[in-house]
Amino acid sequence: QVQLVESGGGEVQAGGSLRLSCAASGSIFSINDMGWYRQAPGKQRELVAFLTGSGSLSYIRYADSVKGRFTISRDNAKNTVYLQMNSLKPEDTAVYYCKFRVDGVDYWGKGTLVTVSS
């Protein structure tokens, strides 16, 4: 079993920054990929950023709405993925979830709330 623990959410004014972290622990042989998703009130969950591979073999994808503002990164030694969020907008307000695919199985974090005030 794998557990994911997220941290870093909170409230920030528009234009501000936040950094989310998600650490995986438990029975891990191989992390296939990891990503961040978000769900705003009344909306479906959507992909924010996705990362697979490492180093020069990394593949990263961002939602168009966050390109140039958000950066996903990983620390392999800590089994942790980060989401650096800059130039935040009120429309970025949502619950943010991390997802790891570990040994072919998807695991989700419980979510962390990000609120951006105008």
C-alpha atoms as a PDB file:
ATOM      1  CA  GLN A   1       0.000   0.000   0.000  1.00  0.00           C
ATOM      2  CA  VAL A   2       1.117   3.543  -0.768  1.00  0.00           C
ATOM      3  CA  GLN A   3       0.245   6.707   1.112  1.00  0.00           C
ATOM      4  CA  LEU A   4       0.418  10.226  -0.283  1.00  0.00           C
ATOM      5  CA  VAL A   5       0.684  13.265   1.950  1.00  0.00           C
ATOM      6  CA  GLU A   6       0.151  16.710   0.468  1.00  0.00           C
ATOM      7  CA  SER A   7       1.132  20.023   1.957  1.00  0.00           C
ATOM      8  CA  GLY A   8       1.523  23.662   1.019  1.00  0.00           C
ATOM      9  CA  GLY A   9      -2.001  24.794   0.301  1.00  0.00           C
ATOM     10  CA  GLY A  10      -3.482  27.948   1.731  1.00  0.00           C
ATOM     11  CA  GLU A  11      -4.801  31.369   0.903  1.00  0.00           C
ATOM     12  CA  VAL A  12      -2.896  33.901  -1.141  1.00  0.00           C
ATOM     13  CA  GLN A  13      -3.661  37.115  -2.958  1.00  0.00           C
ATOM     14  CA  ALA A  14      -3.732  37.278  -6.730  1.00  0.00           C
ATOM     15  CA  GLY A  15      -0.234  37.519  -8.122  1.00  0.00           C
ATOM     16  CA  GLY A  16       1.226  35.568  -5.229  1.00  0.00           C
ATOM     17  CA  SER A  17       2.937  32.202  -5.104  1.00  0.00           C
ATOM     18  CA  LEU A  18       2.513  28.876  -3.373  1.00  0.00           C
ATOM     19  CA  ARG A  19       4.457  25.631  -3.462  1.00  0.00           C
ATOM     20  CA  LEU A  20       2.655  22.336  -3.065  1.00  0.00           C
ATOM     21  CA  SER A  21       4.403  19.136  -2.026  1.00  0.00           C
ATOM     22  CA  CYS A  22       3.272  15.536  -2.172  1.00  0.00           C
ATOM     23  CA  ALA A  23       5.329  12.781  -0.593  1.00  0.00           C
ATOM     24  CA  ALA A  24       4.757   9.099  -1.233  1.00  0.00           C
ATOM     25  CA  SER A  25       5.557   6.403   1.287  1.00  0.00           C
ATOM     26  CA  GLY A  26       4.922   2.706   1.703  1.00  0.00           C
ATOM     27  CA  SER A  27       5.572  -0.212  -0.588  1.00  0.00           C
ATOM     28  CA  ILE A  28       7.164   1.433  -3.624  1.00  0.00           C
ATOM     29  CA  PHE A  29       9.163  -0.401  -6.255  1.00  0.00           C
ATOM     30  CA  SER A  30       8.816   1.995  -9.159  1.00  0.00           C
ATOM     31  CA  ILE A  31       7.073   5.327  -9.603  1.00  0.00           C
ATOM     32  CA  ASN A  32       5.829   5.391 -13.169  1.00  0.00           C
ATOM     33  CA  ASP A  33       4.514   8.922 -13.250  1.00  0.00           C
ATOM     34  CA  MET A  34       3.110  11.656 -11.037  1.00  0.00           C
ATOM     35  CA  GLY A  35       0.850  14.595 -11.473  1.00  0.00           C
ATOM     36  CA  TRP A  36      -1.228  17.348  -9.991  1.00  0.00           C
ATOM     37  CA  TYR A  37      -4.947  17.757 -10.603  1.00  0.00           C
ATOM     38  CA  ARG A  38      -7.440  20.274  -9.304  1.00  0.00           C
ATOM     39  CA  GLN A  39     -11.147  20.515  -8.778  1.00  0.00           C
ATOM     40  CA  ALA A  40     -12.900  23.841  -8.435  1.00  0.00           C
ATOM     41  CA  PRO A  41     -16.400  24.091  -6.919  1.00  0.00           C
ATOM     42  CA  GLY A  42     -18.996  22.850  -9.378  1.00  0.00           C
ATOM     43  CA  LYS A  43     -16.392  21.696 -11.890  1.00  0.00           C
ATOM     44  CA  GLN A  44     -14.816  18.425 -12.880  1.00  0.00           C
ATOM     45  CA  ARG A  45     -11.351  17.453 -11.765  1.00  0.00           C
ATOM     46  CA  GLU A  46      -8.765  18.508 -14.331  1.00  0.00           C
ATOM     47  CA  LEU A  47      -5.127  17.833 -15.005  1.00  0.00           C
ATOM     48  CA  VAL A  48      -2.804  20.661 -14.002  1.00  0.00           C
ATOM     49  CA  ALA A  49       0.637  19.157 -14.558  1.00  0.00           C
ATOM     50  CA  PHE A  50       2.024  15.730 -15.334  1.00  0.00           C
ATOM     51  CA  LEU A  51       5.544  14.355 -15.132  1.00  0.00           C
ATOM     52  CA  THR A  52       7.033  11.035 -16.115  1.00  0.00           C
ATOM     53  CA  GLY A  53      10.642   9.923 -16.341  1.00  0.00           C
ATOM     54  CA  SER A  54      13.534  11.844 -14.862  1.00  0.00           C
ATOM     55  CA  GLY A  55      16.435  14.013 -15.876  1.00  0.00           C
ATOM     56  CA  SER A  56      16.962  14.311 -19.621  1.00  0.00           C
ATOM     57  CA  LEU A  57      14.287  11.659 -20.202  1.00  0.00           C
ATOM     58  CA  SER A  58      11.531  13.602 -18.432  1.00  0.00           C
ATOM     59  CA  TYR A  59       8.242  14.291 -20.136  1.00  0.00           C
ATOM     60  CA  ILE A  60       6.153  17.097 -18.705  1.00  0.00           C
ATOM     61  CA  ARG A  61       2.746  18.344 -19.697  1.00  0.00           C
ATOM     62  CA  TYR A  62       0.831  21.345 -18.392  1.00  0.00           C
ATOM     63  CA  ALA A  63      -2.711  22.518 -18.762  1.00  0.00           C
ATOM     64  CA  ASP A  64      -2.834  25.511 -21.096  1.00  0.00           C
ATOM     65  CA  SER A  65      -4.250  27.642 -18.296  1.00  0.00           C
ATOM     66  CA  VAL A  66      -1.129  27.252 -16.143  1.00  0.00           C
ATOM     67  CA  LYS A  67       1.672  27.189 -18.722  1.00  0.00           C
ATOM     68  CA  GLY A  68       4.383  29.680 -17.875  1.00  0.00           C
ATOM     69  CA  ARG A  69       3.105  30.090 -14.313  1.00  0.00           C
ATOM     70  CA  PHE A  70       3.306  26.621 -12.740  1.00  0.00           C
ATOM     71  CA  THR A  71       6.277  24.266 -12.591  1.00  0.00           C
ATOM     72  CA  ILE A  72       6.192  20.596 -11.651  1.00  0.00           C
ATOM     73  CA  SER A  73       9.323  18.917 -10.341  1.00  0.00           C
ATOM     74  CA  ARG A  74      10.343  15.807  -8.439  1.00  0.00           C
ATOM     75  CA  ASP A  75      12.837  14.663  -5.839  1.00  0.00           C
ATOM     76  CA  ASN A  76      13.483  10.998  -6.489  1.00  0.00           C
ATOM     77  CA  ALA A  77      15.337  10.467  -3.230  1.00  0.00           C
ATOM     78  CA  LYS A  78      12.315  11.679  -1.265  1.00  0.00           C
ATOM     79  CA  ASN A  79       9.594  10.202  -3.529  1.00  0.00           C
ATOM     80  CA  THR A  80       8.171  13.694  -3.626  1.00  0.00           C
ATOM     81  CA  VAL A  81       6.600  15.816  -6.315  1.00  0.00           C
ATOM     82  CA  TYR A  82       6.271  19.577  -6.136  1.00  0.00           C
ATOM     83  CA  LEU A  83       4.126  22.156  -7.833  1.00  0.00           C
ATOM     84  CA  GLN A  84       5.479  25.683  -7.794  1.00  0.00           C
ATOM     85  CA  MET A  85       2.631  28.061  -8.541  1.00  0.00           C
ATOM     86  CA  ASN A  86       3.437  31.651  -9.441  1.00  0.00           C
ATOM     87  CA  SER A  87       1.317  34.568 -10.611  1.00  0.00           C
ATOM     88  CA  LEU A  88      -1.732  32.955  -9.079  1.00  0.00           C
ATOM     89  CA  LYS A  89      -5.161  34.025 -10.256  1.00  0.00           C
ATOM     90  CA  PRO A  90      -8.566  33.770  -8.566  1.00  0.00           C
ATOM     91  CA  GLU A  91      -9.515  31.129 -11.154  1.00  0.00           C
ATOM     92  CA  ASP A  92      -6.750  28.911  -9.760  1.00  0.00           C
ATOM     93  CA  THR A  93      -8.829  28.485  -6.601  1.00  0.00           C
ATOM     94  CA  ALA A  94      -9.499  24.767  -6.172  1.00  0.00           C
ATOM     95  CA  VAL A  95      -8.671  21.670  -4.206  1.00  0.00           C
ATOM     96  CA  TYR A  96      -5.397  20.336  -5.575  1.00  0.00           C
ATOM     97  CA  TYR A  97      -4.743  16.609  -5.627  1.00  0.00           C
ATOM     98  CA  CYS A  98      -1.542  14.763  -6.347  1.00  0.00           C
ATOM     99  CA  LYS A  99      -1.554  11.421  -8.105  1.00  0.00           C
ATOM    100  CA  PHE A 100       1.207   8.870  -8.325  1.00  0.00           C
ATOM    101  CA  ARG A 101       1.214   5.817 -10.514  1.00  0.00           C
ATOM    102  CA  VAL A 102       3.240   3.298  -8.529  1.00  0.00           C
ATOM    103  CA  ASP A 103       3.959  -0.131  -9.930  1.00  0.00           C
ATOM    104  CA  GLY A 104       1.075   0.361 -12.356  1.00  0.00           C
ATOM    105  CA  VAL A 105      -1.473   1.400  -9.719  1.00  0.00           C
ATOM    106  CA  ASP A 106      -2.855   4.938  -9.288  1.00  0.00           C
ATOM    107  CA  TYR A 107      -2.848   6.506  -5.836  1.00  0.00           C
ATOM    108  CA  TRP A 108      -4.420   9.844  -4.945  1.00  0.00           C
ATOM    109  CA  GLY A 109      -3.731  12.290  -2.181  1.00  0.00           C
ATOM    110  CA  LYS A 110      -6.589  13.643  -0.089  1.00  0.00           C
ATOM    111  CA  GLY A 111      -6.265  17.116  -1.549  1.00  0.00           C
ATOM    112  CA  THR A 112      -5.128  20.507  -0.343  1.00  0.00           C
ATOM    113  CA  LEU A 113      -7.152  23.692  -0.741  1.00  0.00           C
ATOM    114  CA  VAL A 114      -5.704  26.651  -2.601  1.00  0.00           C
ATOM    115  CA  THR A 115      -7.652  29.891  -2.381  1.00  0.00           C
ATOM    116  CA  VAL A 116      -6.617  32.921  -4.417  1.00  0.00           C
ATOM    117  CA  SER A 117      -8.295  36.171  -3.482  1.00  0.00           C
ATOM    118  CA  SER A 118      -8.579  39.153  -5.805  1.00  0.00           C
END
